[in-house]
Amino acid sequence: MTKQSPYEKVTARLVEMMEQGVRPWAPNYLSGSGIPLHRPTRQCGMPYQGINVLILWAAASMRGFQHGQWMTYKQAQSLGGQVRKGERGEQIVFFKKLVKEEENSRGEIEERVIPMIRVYTVFNVDQIDGLPQQYYAKPAPSVLSDDERIAQAEAFLAGTRAQIEPAAGNPCYIPFRDVVQLVPFERYKDAQGYYCDAFHELTHWTGSEKRLHRFENIGGVKLKDRAFEELVAEIGSAFLAADMGFSLEPREDHAAYLASWIKALKDDSRFIFKAAAAAEKACGFLHDLQPSLDRFAIAAE
C-alpha cells in the first residue's frame, strides 16, 4: 500500500467530514453553548492559523472536545500532565523552507526555495490528566455585550474602507465595480448572521487585482476556480468570526458548492491547503487595514 502524504492524510479526514454534511470551517462543538467561536490555541495560548485551524476545529467537532487548547505530549509532561493511555492525537502541519542552489539555462547559479511540509502530533486538553487547573477551566462567554460586539464589528468594517452599499438581492461582491453589497442589517434575525455575511464578502473583496489579486473576474472563471474562491471566502468568514468572537452562521446559498469542494479535494490533495492559506492571507490583509494591528485583541477580551 502506498504511504499517504501529509496532504493526503489531512484531505482524507476533511473529505470524510464534509461527506457527512459537516463543514470543518463551521465547528459545532460549542453549538448552543452561548460561547463565541475562537481559534484553537497552542499550549502558550497563541492561536493557530491556516489549515491547522480547520484540522483542529474538525477534530473537536467529530470527537466532542469542549476545550480549544492543544499541546504536544512533551509539553503536557512539562506541565505535570499525562496523556491518558489509548488516546489518539491529531497530526497538524508546519512548513519549512528548503533552499537549493541550481544552475539556470544561462549557466548561472540561482537559489530556489522549496516549501517542505512537516507534521507533529498534538492532544486536546480533554485528553490529558494532571495539568494545572487553569487548563481545564471551561471557556467563558464573551465579556462583551451585544452592543459592544456590534460596535467593534462596525469599526472593523469601517477600518477596511471598502465601499459597502445595500443589496437588492443576496449579499455579494461586484468585482467590476469593486463594491460589497450587503442585505440591510434589520432583515437579519441576529447580528451574527449579518457580520458573517459581511466577513464573507470582504474576503472576496481582498481578491481584487488592487489587493491580493486572486482573480480577475470571478463572474467569468471556471466552476472549479469559482468554487475555490467561494471556499476561500467561507473559510475567511469563519476565521474572522473567530477573531471577532462571533458565532459562525453558515451561508445556506453555498450548500450547492459542497459537492464541488469535495470533488476538488479528492482531485487535488493540496486544494484545501491552498484555500486555507489564501483565507488566512485575506484575513491578515483585512486586519492590517485596521488602526490597531493586534489581530486577536478582540477575541481575547
Protein backbone atom coordinates (compact mmCIF):
# COMPACT_ATOMS: atom_id res chain seq x y z
CA MET A 1 0.00 0.00 0.00
CA THR A 2 1.35 3.43 -0.95
CA LYS A 3 2.04 5.63 2.05
CA GLN A 4 -0.16 8.73 2.17
CA SER A 5 1.50 12.12 2.15
CA PRO A 6 0.59 14.64 4.91
CA TYR A 7 -1.52 16.48 2.33
CA GLU A 8 -3.46 13.32 1.52
CA LYS A 9 -3.98 12.38 5.17
CA VAL A 10 -5.37 15.78 6.12
CA THR A 11 -7.52 15.99 2.99
CA ALA A 12 -8.96 12.50 3.53
CA ARG A 13 -10.06 13.42 7.07
CA LEU A 14 -11.69 16.66 5.95
CA VAL A 15 -13.41 14.98 2.98
CA GLU A 16 -14.85 12.34 5.33
CA MET A 17 -16.32 15.09 7.48
CA MET A 18 -17.71 17.01 4.51
CA GLU A 19 -19.32 13.85 3.08
CA GLN A 20 -21.24 13.64 6.35
CA GLY A 21 -22.55 17.16 5.67
CA VAL A 22 -20.32 18.84 8.26
CA ARG A 23 -18.04 21.68 7.23
CA PRO A 24 -14.67 21.81 9.02
CA TRP A 25 -14.77 25.62 8.99
CA ALA A 26 -18.12 25.65 10.84
CA PRO A 27 -17.28 23.74 14.05
CA ASN A 28 -20.26 22.59 16.09
CA TYR A 29 -18.56 21.67 19.36
CA LEU A 30 -19.71 24.91 21.03
CA SER A 31 -23.09 24.93 19.31
CA GLY A 32 -25.85 26.15 21.60
CA SER A 33 -23.42 26.91 24.43
CA GLY A 34 -23.59 30.69 24.13
CA ILE A 35 -19.80 30.68 23.82
CA PRO A 36 -18.39 32.53 20.83
CA LEU A 37 -16.22 30.80 18.27
CA HIS A 38 -12.48 31.10 18.80
CA ARG A 39 -9.47 29.73 17.01
CA PRO A 40 -7.82 26.71 18.65
CA THR A 41 -4.74 27.69 20.64
CA ARG A 42 -1.30 26.32 21.40
CA GLN A 43 -0.10 25.46 24.89
CA CYS A 44 1.25 29.02 25.19
CA GLY A 45 -2.13 30.50 24.29
CA MET A 46 -1.23 31.68 20.78
CA PRO A 47 -3.90 30.94 18.15
CA TYR A 48 -3.24 28.52 15.31
CA GLN A 49 -3.54 29.73 11.73
CA GLY A 50 -4.45 28.41 8.29
CA ILE A 51 -5.02 24.71 7.70
CA ASN A 52 -4.27 23.82 11.34
CA VAL A 53 -7.36 25.76 12.42
CA LEU A 54 -9.52 23.58 10.17
CA ILE A 55 -7.82 20.36 11.30
CA LEU A 56 -8.36 21.12 14.99
CA TRP A 57 -11.87 22.53 14.58
CA ALA A 58 -12.78 19.35 12.70
CA ALA A 59 -11.24 17.14 15.38
CA ALA A 60 -13.05 18.98 18.16
CA SER A 61 -16.38 18.69 16.32
CA MET A 62 -16.03 14.99 15.49
CA ARG A 63 -14.61 13.92 18.86
CA GLY A 64 -16.68 16.10 21.17
CA PHE A 65 -13.86 18.07 22.78
CA GLN A 66 -15.03 21.02 24.87
CA HIS A 67 -11.73 22.89 25.04
CA GLY A 68 -9.85 24.71 22.31
CA GLN A 69 -6.32 24.31 23.66
CA TRP A 70 -3.86 21.75 22.30
CA MET A 71 -0.32 20.67 23.17
CA THR A 72 2.29 18.04 22.36
CA TYR A 73 2.97 15.03 24.58
CA LYS A 74 6.19 16.62 25.85
CA GLN A 75 4.51 19.94 26.57
CA ALA A 76 1.87 18.15 28.65
CA GLN A 77 4.61 16.34 30.60
CA SER A 78 6.49 19.58 31.21
CA LEU A 79 3.35 20.96 32.89
CA GLY A 80 2.96 17.87 35.08
CA GLY A 81 0.27 16.34 32.89
CA GLN A 82 -0.06 12.92 31.30
CA VAL A 83 -1.89 11.98 28.11
CA ARG A 84 -4.30 9.21 29.01
CA LYS A 85 -3.44 5.73 27.79
CA GLY A 86 -5.02 4.90 24.44
CA GLU A 87 -5.71 8.50 23.46
CA ARG A 88 -5.08 9.36 19.81
CA GLY A 89 -3.54 12.71 18.95
CA GLU A 90 -4.17 14.91 15.93
CA GLN A 91 -1.49 15.49 13.33
CA ILE A 92 -1.02 19.12 12.39
CA VAL A 93 1.47 20.60 9.97
CA PHE A 94 4.12 23.24 9.60
CA PHE A 95 6.09 24.30 6.58
CA LYS A 96 9.85 24.59 6.43
CA LYS A 97 11.67 26.29 3.57
CA LEU A 98 14.45 24.33 1.92
CA VAL A 99 16.86 26.47 -0.12
CA LYS A 100 18.60 24.72 -3.02
CA GLU A 101 21.16 26.09 -5.44
CA GLU A 102 20.52 25.21 -9.08
CA GLU A 103 22.08 26.15 -12.38
CA ASN A 104 19.75 28.03 -14.72
CA SER A 105 19.67 27.97 -18.55
CA ARG A 106 22.32 30.71 -18.67
CA GLY A 107 24.74 28.70 -16.57
CA GLU A 108 24.17 30.91 -13.52
CA ILE A 109 23.65 29.56 -10.02
CA GLU A 110 20.30 30.54 -8.55
CA GLU A 111 18.68 29.80 -5.23
CA ARG A 112 15.31 28.03 -5.31
CA VAL A 113 13.08 27.91 -2.25
CA ILE A 114 11.16 24.66 -1.80
CA PRO A 115 8.44 24.53 0.88
CA MET A 116 8.69 21.28 2.86
CA ILE A 117 5.72 20.06 4.88
CA ARG A 118 6.33 18.52 8.31
CA VAL A 119 3.85 17.01 10.75
CA TYR A 120 3.66 16.74 14.51
CA THR A 121 1.05 15.42 16.92
CA VAL A 122 -0.94 17.40 19.46
CA PHE A 123 -3.51 16.42 22.08
CA ASN A 124 -6.55 18.30 23.32
CA VAL A 125 -6.68 19.32 26.97
CA ASP A 126 -9.67 16.93 27.31
CA GLN A 127 -7.26 14.02 26.65
CA ILE A 128 -4.75 14.97 29.36
CA ASP A 129 -4.83 14.41 33.12
CA GLY A 130 -2.86 16.29 35.77
CA LEU A 131 -2.45 19.68 34.10
CA PRO A 132 -2.63 22.85 36.23
CA GLN A 133 -6.28 23.60 36.92
CA GLN A 134 -6.46 26.69 34.73
CA TYR A 135 -6.12 24.49 31.64
CA TYR A 136 -9.42 22.79 32.49
CA ALA A 137 -11.41 25.97 33.00
CA LYS A 138 -14.49 25.96 30.81
CA PRO A 139 -14.47 28.53 28.02
CA ALA A 140 -16.29 31.61 29.27
CA PRO A 141 -18.91 33.58 27.37
CA SER A 142 -17.61 36.82 25.91
CA VAL A 143 -17.39 39.73 28.34
CA LEU A 144 -18.61 41.99 25.54
CA SER A 145 -22.27 42.88 25.36
CA ASP A 146 -24.08 42.50 22.04
CA ASP A 147 -23.94 46.27 21.57
CA GLU A 148 -20.17 46.34 22.22
CA ARG A 149 -19.52 43.44 19.85
CA ILE A 150 -21.60 45.10 17.13
CA ALA A 151 -19.74 48.38 17.66
CA GLN A 152 -16.39 46.62 17.28
CA ALA A 153 -17.56 44.76 14.18
CA GLU A 154 -18.80 48.01 12.65
CA ALA A 155 -15.44 49.60 13.40
CA PHE A 156 -13.73 46.65 11.71
CA LEU A 157 -15.85 47.03 8.58
CA ALA A 158 -15.21 50.76 8.51
CA GLY A 159 -11.49 50.19 9.00
CA THR A 160 -11.28 48.26 5.73
CA ARG A 161 -12.53 51.36 3.83
CA ALA A 162 -14.34 49.03 1.43
CA GLN A 163 -17.25 50.57 -0.43
CA ILE A 164 -20.33 48.92 1.09
CA GLU A 165 -23.86 49.54 -0.16
CA PRO A 166 -27.31 47.93 0.27
CA ALA A 167 -28.03 44.77 -1.75
CA ALA A 168 -31.25 44.40 -3.72
CA GLY A 169 -30.91 40.60 -3.54
CA ASN A 170 -28.32 38.39 -1.87
CA PRO A 171 -25.11 39.79 -0.37
CA CYS A 172 -22.31 39.84 -2.92
CA TYR A 173 -19.06 41.38 -4.08
CA ILE A 174 -19.15 43.01 -7.53
CA PRO A 175 -15.60 42.89 -8.95
CA PHE A 176 -16.01 45.28 -11.89
CA ARG A 177 -17.40 47.96 -9.55
CA ASP A 178 -15.22 46.92 -6.59
CA VAL A 179 -18.28 47.16 -4.32
CA VAL A 180 -19.54 44.97 -1.47
CA GLN A 181 -23.33 44.75 -1.28
CA LEU A 182 -24.97 43.64 1.97
CA VAL A 183 -28.59 42.93 2.85
CA PRO A 184 -29.79 45.59 5.34
CA PHE A 185 -29.00 44.78 8.97
CA GLU A 186 -32.64 44.85 10.09
CA ARG A 187 -33.54 41.97 7.77
CA TYR A 188 -31.35 39.52 9.73
CA LYS A 189 -32.63 37.54 12.70
CA ASP A 190 -29.47 38.43 14.60
CA ALA A 191 -26.29 40.46 14.25
CA GLN A 192 -24.08 37.40 13.89
CA GLY A 193 -25.59 36.45 10.53
CA TYR A 194 -25.14 39.96 9.17
CA TYR A 195 -21.48 40.21 10.13
CA CYS A 196 -20.63 36.69 8.96
CA ASP A 197 -22.04 37.63 5.55
CA ALA A 198 -20.03 40.86 5.67
CA PHE A 199 -16.84 38.94 6.52
CA HIS A 200 -17.52 36.55 3.62
CA GLU A 201 -17.92 39.34 1.08
CA LEU A 202 -14.93 41.26 2.43
CA THR A 203 -12.82 38.13 1.93
CA HIS A 204 -13.91 38.20 -1.72
CA TRP A 205 -13.07 41.93 -1.79
CA THR A 206 -9.44 41.17 -0.85
CA GLY A 207 -9.08 39.09 -4.04
CA SER A 208 -9.25 42.13 -6.32
CA GLU A 209 -6.25 42.92 -8.53
CA LYS A 210 -5.96 46.09 -6.43
CA ARG A 211 -5.24 43.94 -3.38
CA LEU A 212 -4.26 40.25 -3.27
CA HIS A 213 -5.03 39.50 -6.93
CA ARG A 214 -6.71 36.08 -6.51
CA PHE A 215 -8.90 36.56 -9.56
CA GLU A 216 -9.50 38.95 -12.42
CA ASN A 217 -13.22 38.50 -12.88
CA ILE A 218 -14.95 35.98 -10.66
CA GLY A 219 -18.03 36.00 -12.88
CA GLY A 220 -16.06 34.69 -15.84
CA VAL A 221 -13.90 31.98 -14.29
CA LYS A 222 -14.32 28.22 -14.50
CA LEU A 223 -16.58 26.46 -11.98
CA LYS A 224 -13.61 24.90 -10.19
CA ASP A 225 -11.95 28.30 -9.77
CA ARG A 226 -15.21 29.87 -8.65
CA ALA A 227 -15.71 27.05 -6.15
CA PHE A 228 -12.19 27.68 -4.88
CA GLU A 229 -12.91 31.38 -4.36
CA GLU A 230 -16.16 30.56 -2.54
CA LEU A 231 -14.28 28.16 -0.28
CA VAL A 232 -11.67 30.84 0.46
CA ALA A 233 -14.48 33.24 1.39
CA GLU A 234 -16.25 30.70 3.61
CA ILE A 235 -13.06 29.88 5.48
CA GLY A 236 -12.13 33.56 5.68
CA SER A 237 -15.54 34.36 7.16
CA ALA A 238 -15.03 31.63 9.79
CA PHE A 239 -11.56 32.89 10.70
CA LEU A 240 -12.79 36.49 11.03
CA ALA A 241 -15.82 35.39 13.06
CA ALA A 242 -13.44 33.60 15.43
CA ASP A 243 -11.09 36.58 15.60
CA MET A 244 -14.03 38.86 16.45
CA GLY A 245 -15.65 36.48 18.94
CA PHE A 246 -18.81 35.80 16.92
CA SER A 247 -20.67 32.55 16.47
CA LEU A 248 -20.49 31.40 12.86
CA GLU A 249 -23.61 31.43 10.71
CA PRO A 250 -23.22 29.10 7.68
CA ARG A 251 -24.46 30.55 4.40
CA GLU A 252 -27.22 28.33 3.02
CA ASP A 253 -26.65 29.54 -0.54
CA HIS A 254 -23.24 27.88 -0.57
CA ALA A 255 -24.52 24.39 0.22
CA ALA A 256 -24.60 23.89 -3.56
CA TYR A 257 -20.81 24.22 -3.62
CA LEU A 258 -20.30 21.33 -1.18
CA ALA A 259 -20.17 18.63 -3.89
CA SER A 260 -17.74 20.76 -5.94
CA TRP A 261 -15.49 21.21 -2.91
CA ILE A 262 -15.48 17.50 -2.10
CA LYS A 263 -14.61 16.63 -5.72
CA ALA A 264 -11.87 19.28 -5.82
CA LEU A 265 -10.34 17.95 -2.60
CA LYS A 266 -10.37 14.41 -3.94
CA ASP A 267 -8.77 15.53 -7.21
CA ASP A 268 -6.11 17.70 -5.55
CA SER A 269 -4.91 16.93 -2.03
CA ARG A 270 -3.45 20.43 -1.76
CA PHE A 271 -6.71 22.21 -2.65
CA ILE A 272 -7.82 22.74 0.97
CA PHE A 273 -4.30 23.79 1.98
CA LYS A 274 -4.29 26.43 -0.76
CA ALA A 275 -7.75 27.65 0.22
CA ALA A 276 -6.90 27.88 3.93
CA ALA A 277 -3.64 29.71 3.14
CA ALA A 278 -5.47 32.16 0.86
CA ALA A 279 -8.15 32.73 3.51
CA GLU A 280 -5.50 33.36 6.18
CA LYS A 281 -3.74 35.83 3.89
CA ALA A 282 -7.04 37.61 3.23
CA CYS A 283 -7.78 37.85 6.96
CA GLY A 284 -4.30 39.19 7.62
CA PHE A 285 -4.81 41.81 4.92
CA LEU A 286 -8.10 42.95 6.48
CA HIS A 287 -6.63 43.03 9.98
CA ASP A 288 -3.66 45.06 8.75
CA LEU A 289 -6.05 47.73 7.46
CA GLN A 290 -7.30 48.37 10.99
CA PRO A 291 -5.97 51.21 13.16
CA SER A 292 -4.77 48.59 15.67
CA LEU A 293 -2.58 45.75 14.36
CA ASP A 294 -3.35 43.44 17.33
CA ARG A 295 -5.15 40.77 15.32
CA PHE A 296 -6.52 38.79 18.25
CA ALA A 297 -7.19 41.59 20.75
CA ILE A 298 -10.97 41.39 20.29
CA ALA A 299 -11.20 37.61 20.54
CA ALA A 300 -9.03 37.57 23.66
CA GLU A 301 -11.15 40.02 25.65
